[in-house]
């Protein structure tokens, strides 16, 4: 900056005084302008008078009904107002972009696809300003190392260092397509499963064993067994008539309702396992997390209703 520029800058009025003039000139009302600037009307009037004295000109004509810009005031005001707009734009341009409010939740992929995602639109309707980000995995989240707010997991609810909320009880029942070929092997009773292919998930190897044991068929040997990576694949295979899957009816509500799947037997095995919302004890609950938890409770209550 040259000596001439430094001299000009030193002669400029204060930014507060110029801002007072810009706002008062826009409203032409001391009370409204003072409210916008969070000062009293008398303090604003003092700032304007000081500016007029410093410039050696009158900027306003004070009237009973308010203010009126003088000829010089009318000339100066648009330029001062534009300068503050430009200054504001410059400041905003360097500030970090505000990210939307978000919550990240981890869950098993089958639960996400078959229960959570079909209901997510209702949360978005209630809280359009909160973004829900999902991750899927089979391991319990390490909340100290991962950028995850909470998880939905199946189990006994015993995870150290966490708070848990029981959402949905788990149960198992066989399901199959109504078009499953049964000409030479009708499914009239559980023992008839010996003539069919049993479908199950690699991640849930004991589900069929537990159900058959409860049905007093622990020694049953099926014609064939087929294992899939996830329960979702087993469900898809059952819909296609490839065999009989063992599944929580909660996860196939739509398919049972529209007839793509059926329950050949009445036996449904309740278990001690359940779906839990899990979050760390050490972390303070955010407003987003509280809203998400409240929504999950309502959705679980609706799912648990007969």
Protein backbone atom coordinates (compact mmCIF):
# COMPACT_ATOMS: atom_id res chain seq x y z
CA UNK A 1 0.00 0.00 0.00
CA UNK A 2 1.38 3.37 -1.04
CA UNK A 3 1.68 6.34 1.33
CA UNK A 4 -1.23 7.98 -0.53
CA UNK A 5 -3.45 4.91 -0.02
CA UNK A 6 -2.48 4.74 3.65
CA UNK A 7 -3.40 8.41 4.05
CA UNK A 8 -6.82 7.85 2.42
CA UNK A 9 -7.51 4.78 4.58
CA UNK A 10 -6.68 6.70 7.75
CA UNK A 11 -9.30 9.31 6.84
CA UNK A 12 -12.15 6.78 6.43
CA UNK A 13 -14.94 6.75 9.05
CA UNK A 14 -15.32 3.65 11.20
CA UNK A 15 -17.04 0.59 9.74
CA UNK A 16 -19.63 0.74 12.53
CA UNK A 17 -20.60 4.29 11.54
CA UNK A 18 -20.80 3.40 7.85
CA UNK A 19 -22.84 0.28 8.64
CA UNK A 20 -25.21 2.42 10.72
CA UNK A 21 -25.67 4.75 7.77
CA UNK A 22 -26.26 1.85 5.31
CA UNK A 23 -28.93 0.18 7.48
CA UNK A 24 -30.66 3.40 8.50
CA UNK A 25 -30.70 4.51 4.86
CA UNK A 26 -32.36 1.26 3.83
CA UNK A 27 -35.14 1.41 6.45
CA UNK A 28 -35.45 5.20 6.92
CA UNK A 29 -36.61 4.32 10.43
CA UNK A 30 -34.29 4.55 13.46
CA UNK A 31 -36.18 2.02 15.57
CA UNK A 32 -36.22 -0.72 12.89
CA UNK A 33 -32.60 -0.06 11.88
CA UNK A 34 -31.48 -0.14 15.52
CA UNK A 35 -33.23 -3.49 16.05
CA UNK A 36 -31.38 -4.99 13.05
CA UNK A 37 -28.05 -3.77 14.43
CA UNK A 38 -28.83 -4.81 18.02
CA UNK A 39 -28.29 -1.27 19.39
CA UNK A 40 -30.63 1.33 20.86
CA UNK A 41 -32.21 4.00 18.66
CA UNK A 42 -30.35 6.70 20.57
CA UNK A 43 -26.99 4.93 20.04
CA UNK A 44 -27.71 4.61 16.33
CA UNK A 45 -28.70 8.28 16.11
CA UNK A 46 -25.42 9.21 17.85
CA UNK A 47 -23.39 7.14 15.35
CA UNK A 48 -25.07 8.84 12.40
CA UNK A 49 -24.51 12.33 13.85
CA UNK A 50 -20.85 11.51 14.47
CA UNK A 51 -20.52 10.32 10.85
CA UNK A 52 -22.11 13.52 9.55
CA UNK A 53 -19.73 15.60 11.65
CA UNK A 54 -16.76 13.59 10.41
CA UNK A 55 -17.80 13.97 6.76
CA UNK A 56 -18.94 17.57 7.17
CA UNK A 57 -22.27 16.92 5.39
CA UNK A 58 -25.88 16.15 6.29
CA UNK A 59 -26.95 12.66 5.32
CA UNK A 60 -30.49 12.58 6.72
CA UNK A 61 -33.34 14.97 7.27
CA UNK A 62 -35.03 14.00 10.52
CA UNK A 63 -38.80 14.14 10.39
CA UNK A 64 -41.57 13.20 12.79
CA UNK A 65 -42.54 10.23 10.60
CA UNK A 66 -38.96 9.03 10.20
CA UNK A 67 -35.82 9.78 8.19
CA UNK A 68 -35.31 11.10 4.68
CA UNK A 69 -32.03 11.00 2.81
CA UNK A 70 -30.55 14.31 1.72
CA UNK A 71 -29.32 14.75 -1.85
CA UNK A 72 -25.79 13.79 -0.74
CA UNK A 73 -27.20 10.93 1.30
CA UNK A 74 -29.06 9.59 -1.75
CA UNK A 75 -25.82 9.72 -3.77
CA UNK A 76 -23.70 8.03 -1.10
CA UNK A 77 -26.11 5.38 0.22
CA UNK A 78 -26.21 2.96 -2.79
CA UNK A 79 -22.41 2.89 -2.93
CA UNK A 80 -22.00 2.24 0.81
CA UNK A 81 -24.74 -0.43 0.78
CA UNK A 82 -23.12 -2.13 -2.23
CA UNK A 83 -19.73 -2.10 -0.50
CA UNK A 84 -21.15 -3.92 2.55
CA UNK A 85 -22.86 -6.47 0.29
CA UNK A 86 -19.56 -7.12 -1.47
CA UNK A 87 -17.77 -7.42 1.86
CA UNK A 88 -20.38 -9.90 3.13
CA UNK A 89 -20.12 -11.99 -0.05
CA UNK A 90 -16.33 -12.09 0.26
CA UNK A 91 -16.51 -13.33 3.86
CA UNK A 92 -19.11 -16.01 3.04
CA UNK A 93 -17.06 -17.23 0.09
CA UNK A 94 -14.17 -18.33 2.33
CA UNK A 95 -16.25 -19.99 5.05
CA UNK A 96 -16.51 -23.79 4.97
CA UNK A 97 -19.70 -25.16 3.44
CA UNK A 98 -22.20 -26.14 6.11
CA UNK A 99 -22.87 -29.84 5.86
CA UNK A 100 -26.40 -31.16 6.39
CA UNK A 101 -27.20 -32.67 9.77
CA UNK A 102 -26.52 -36.38 9.48
CA UNK A 103 -26.53 -39.63 11.41
CA UNK A 104 -24.64 -42.77 10.38
CA UNK A 105 -26.09 -46.17 11.30
CA UNK A 106 -24.59 -49.63 10.75
CA UNK A 107 -26.70 -52.78 10.29
CA UNK A 108 -26.84 -56.17 8.63
CA UNK A 109 -27.55 -55.97 4.91
CA UNK A 110 -30.65 -58.21 4.98
CA UNK A 111 -32.22 -56.21 7.80
CA UNK A 112 -31.40 -52.98 5.95
CA UNK A 113 -32.96 -54.11 2.68
CA UNK A 114 -36.02 -55.88 4.04
CA UNK A 115 -37.06 -53.87 7.10
CA UNK A 116 -35.17 -50.60 7.44
CA UNK A 117 -35.08 -49.11 3.93
CA UNK A 118 -38.80 -49.71 3.17
CA UNK A 119 -39.62 -47.56 6.22
CA UNK A 120 -36.91 -44.91 5.89
CA UNK A 121 -39.10 -42.57 3.82
CA UNK A 122 -41.23 -41.94 6.90
CA UNK A 123 -38.23 -40.67 8.84
CA UNK A 124 -37.30 -38.43 5.92
CA UNK A 125 -40.82 -37.02 5.87
CA UNK A 126 -40.67 -36.25 9.60
CA UNK A 127 -37.08 -34.95 9.57
CA UNK A 128 -36.17 -33.68 6.07
CA UNK A 129 -33.18 -31.81 7.51
CA UNK A 130 -31.48 -34.98 8.84
CA UNK A 131 -29.58 -37.23 6.44
CA UNK A 132 -29.39 -40.92 7.33
CA UNK A 133 -26.21 -42.61 6.12
CA UNK A 134 -26.07 -46.40 6.20
CA UNK A 135 -23.21 -48.86 6.36
CA UNK A 136 -23.57 -52.63 6.45
CA UNK A 137 -21.45 -55.27 8.11
CA UNK A 138 -21.63 -58.33 10.35
CA UNK A 139 -19.22 -57.21 13.06
CA UNK A 140 -20.21 -55.00 15.99
CA UNK A 141 -19.06 -51.46 15.36
CA UNK A 142 -15.96 -50.13 17.12
CA UNK A 143 -17.41 -46.75 18.07
CA UNK A 144 -14.01 -45.47 19.15
CA UNK A 145 -12.47 -46.10 15.74
CA UNK A 146 -15.35 -45.79 13.27
CA UNK A 147 -17.35 -42.74 12.26
CA UNK A 148 -20.68 -44.36 13.16
CA UNK A 149 -23.33 -42.98 15.51
CA UNK A 150 -25.23 -46.18 16.21
CA UNK A 151 -25.86 -49.72 14.99
CA UNK A 152 -28.78 -52.14 14.74
CA UNK A 153 -27.65 -55.63 15.69
CA UNK A 154 -29.16 -59.02 16.41
CA UNK A 155 -28.21 -60.77 19.63
CA UNK A 156 -28.70 -60.85 23.39
CA UNK A 157 -28.12 -57.14 23.95
CA UNK A 158 -24.85 -57.68 25.84
CA UNK A 159 -22.24 -55.44 24.23
CA UNK A 160 -19.78 -53.79 26.68
CA UNK A 161 -19.46 -50.03 26.61
CA UNK A 162 -22.79 -49.49 24.88
CA UNK A 163 -26.35 -48.53 25.58
CA UNK A 164 -28.95 -50.82 24.00
CA UNK A 165 -32.62 -50.50 23.17
CA UNK A 166 -34.58 -53.65 22.35
CA UNK A 167 -36.53 -53.03 19.16
CA UNK A 168 -37.86 -56.27 17.68
CA UNK A 169 -38.00 -59.84 18.92
CA UNK A 170 -36.58 -62.48 16.57
CA UNK A 171 -38.39 -65.66 15.60
CA UNK A 172 -38.01 -68.33 12.93
CA UNK A 173 -40.40 -70.15 10.66
CA UNK A 174 -40.10 -72.05 7.38
CA UNK A 175 -41.28 -70.19 4.27
CA UNK A 176 -41.58 -71.27 0.66
CA UNK A 177 -43.16 -70.32 -2.62
CA UNK A 178 -46.78 -71.38 -3.16
CA UNK A 179 -45.47 -72.80 -6.45
CA UNK A 180 -42.90 -75.05 -4.77
CA UNK A 181 -43.15 -78.44 -6.53
CA UNK A 182 -44.90 -80.76 -4.06
CA UNK A 183 -46.50 -83.39 -6.32
CA UNK A 184 -44.38 -86.21 -4.93
CA UNK A 185 -43.63 -84.52 -1.61
CA UNK A 186 -46.53 -82.52 -0.13
CA UNK A 187 -45.76 -80.27 2.84
CA UNK A 188 -48.51 -81.34 5.20
CA UNK A 189 -46.39 -81.62 8.35
CA UNK A 190 -42.86 -80.66 9.42
CA UNK A 191 -41.57 -84.21 8.89
CA UNK A 192 -42.24 -83.76 5.17
CA UNK A 193 -39.26 -81.36 5.04
CA UNK A 194 -37.07 -84.46 4.67
CA UNK A 195 -38.14 -84.63 1.02
CA UNK A 196 -37.21 -81.01 0.26
CA UNK A 197 -34.20 -78.74 -0.08
CA UNK A 198 -33.57 -76.58 2.98
CA UNK A 199 -32.22 -73.09 2.28
CA UNK A 200 -30.25 -71.10 4.82
CA UNK A 201 -27.62 -68.41 5.29
CA UNK A 202 -23.95 -69.05 6.00
CA UNK A 203 -24.16 -66.36 8.67
CA UNK A 204 -27.06 -68.16 10.42
CA UNK A 205 -26.05 -71.86 10.32
CA UNK A 206 -28.04 -72.89 13.40
CA UNK A 207 -31.48 -71.51 12.53
CA UNK A 208 -32.79 -74.68 10.88
CA UNK A 209 -31.31 -76.88 13.61
CA UNK A 210 -33.02 -74.85 16.35
CA UNK A 211 -36.40 -74.90 14.58
CA UNK A 212 -36.27 -78.62 13.81
CA UNK A 213 -35.24 -79.39 17.40
CA UNK A 214 -38.20 -77.37 18.69
CA UNK A 215 -40.46 -79.32 16.30
CA UNK A 216 -38.99 -82.58 17.75
CA UNK A 217 -37.26 -83.33 14.45
CA UNK A 218 -33.66 -82.87 15.53
CA UNK A 219 -32.52 -85.95 13.60
CA UNK A 220 -34.27 -85.03 10.32
CA UNK A 221 -32.07 -85.34 7.24
CA UNK A 222 -33.33 -83.23 4.32
CA UNK A 223 -33.04 -84.34 0.71
CA UNK A 224 -30.61 -81.49 0.15
CA UNK A 225 -29.35 -78.30 1.78
CA UNK A 226 -28.23 -75.13 0.04
CA UNK A 227 -26.27 -72.41 1.78
CA UNK A 228 -26.21 -68.74 0.72
CA UNK A 229 -24.03 -65.81 1.71
CA UNK A 230 -26.92 -63.87 3.28
CA UNK A 231 -30.52 -64.48 4.30
CA UNK A 232 -31.59 -62.13 1.54
CA UNK A 233 -30.25 -64.60 -1.05
CA UNK A 234 -32.02 -67.47 0.71
CA UNK A 235 -35.28 -65.53 0.59
CA UNK A 236 -34.85 -64.84 -3.13
CA UNK A 237 -34.20 -68.57 -3.73
CA UNK A 238 -37.33 -69.52 -1.79
CA UNK A 239 -39.44 -67.10 -3.85
CA UNK A 240 -38.10 -68.81 -7.00
CA UNK A 241 -39.17 -72.22 -5.70
CA UNK A 242 -35.69 -73.62 -5.08
CA UNK A 243 -36.55 -74.91 -1.63
CA UNK A 244 -37.76 -74.00 1.86
CA UNK A 245 -36.02 -71.19 3.75
CA UNK A 246 -35.90 -70.62 7.50
CA UNK A 247 -36.45 -66.94 8.18
CA UNK A 248 -37.82 -64.36 10.58
CA UNK A 249 -41.32 -63.58 9.23
CA UNK A 250 -40.64 -59.95 10.13
CA UNK A 251 -38.25 -59.81 7.18
CA UNK A 252 -40.72 -61.19 4.63
CA UNK A 253 -43.90 -59.37 5.64
CA UNK A 254 -44.53 -58.02 2.14
CA UNK A 255 -43.90 -61.36 0.43
CA UNK A 256 -46.25 -63.16 2.85
CA UNK A 257 -48.88 -60.49 2.35
CA UNK A 258 -48.81 -60.51 -1.44
CA UNK A 259 -48.54 -64.30 -1.75
CA UNK A 260 -45.02 -64.65 -3.12
CA UNK A 261 -44.20 -66.66 0.01
CA UNK A 262 -46.26 -68.77 2.38
CA UNK A 263 -45.79 -70.39 5.78
CA UNK A 264 -46.47 -74.10 5.29
CA UNK A 265 -46.63 -74.76 9.04
CA UNK A 266 -48.00 -72.92 12.03
CA UNK A 267 -44.89 -73.50 14.14
CA UNK A 268 -42.99 -70.25 14.68
CA UNK A 269 -40.04 -70.47 17.03
CA UNK A 270 -39.55 -67.52 19.39
CA UNK A 271 -35.94 -67.02 20.41
CA UNK A 272 -34.06 -65.19 23.13
CA UNK A 273 -32.41 -63.09 20.44
CA UNK A 274 -33.69 -59.69 19.32
CA UNK A 275 -32.80 -56.68 17.21
CA UNK A 276 -31.27 -53.90 19.28
CA UNK A 277 -30.34 -50.30 18.65
CA UNK A 278 -26.79 -49.94 20.00
CA UNK A 279 -24.83 -46.74 20.68
CA UNK A 280 -21.79 -45.84 22.81
CA UNK A 281 -22.14 -44.88 26.46
CA UNK A 282 -19.25 -42.43 26.16
CA UNK A 283 -20.86 -40.26 23.50
CA UNK A 284 -23.34 -37.51 24.31
CA UNK A 285 -26.61 -38.04 22.47
CA UNK A 286 -27.20 -35.51 19.70
CA UNK A 287 -30.59 -34.11 18.70
CA UNK A 288 -30.33 -36.12 15.49
CA UNK A 289 -29.72 -39.34 17.41
CA UNK A 290 -32.63 -38.64 19.76
CA UNK A 291 -34.97 -38.07 16.80
CA UNK A 292 -33.73 -41.25 15.09
CA UNK A 293 -34.18 -43.32 18.26
CA UNK A 294 -37.72 -42.02 18.79
CA UNK A 295 -38.64 -42.85 15.19
CA UNK A 296 -37.21 -46.39 15.48
CA UNK A 297 -39.23 -47.02 18.65
CA UNK A 298 -42.43 -46.06 16.84
CA UNK A 299 -41.61 -48.18 13.78
CA UNK A 300 -40.74 -51.18 15.96
CA UNK A 301 -43.98 -50.78 17.92
CA UNK A 302 -45.93 -50.84 14.66
CA UNK A 303 -44.07 -53.93 13.41
CA UNK A 304 -44.66 -55.76 16.68
CA UNK A 305 -48.42 -55.11 16.50
CA UNK A 306 -50.49 -58.10 15.38
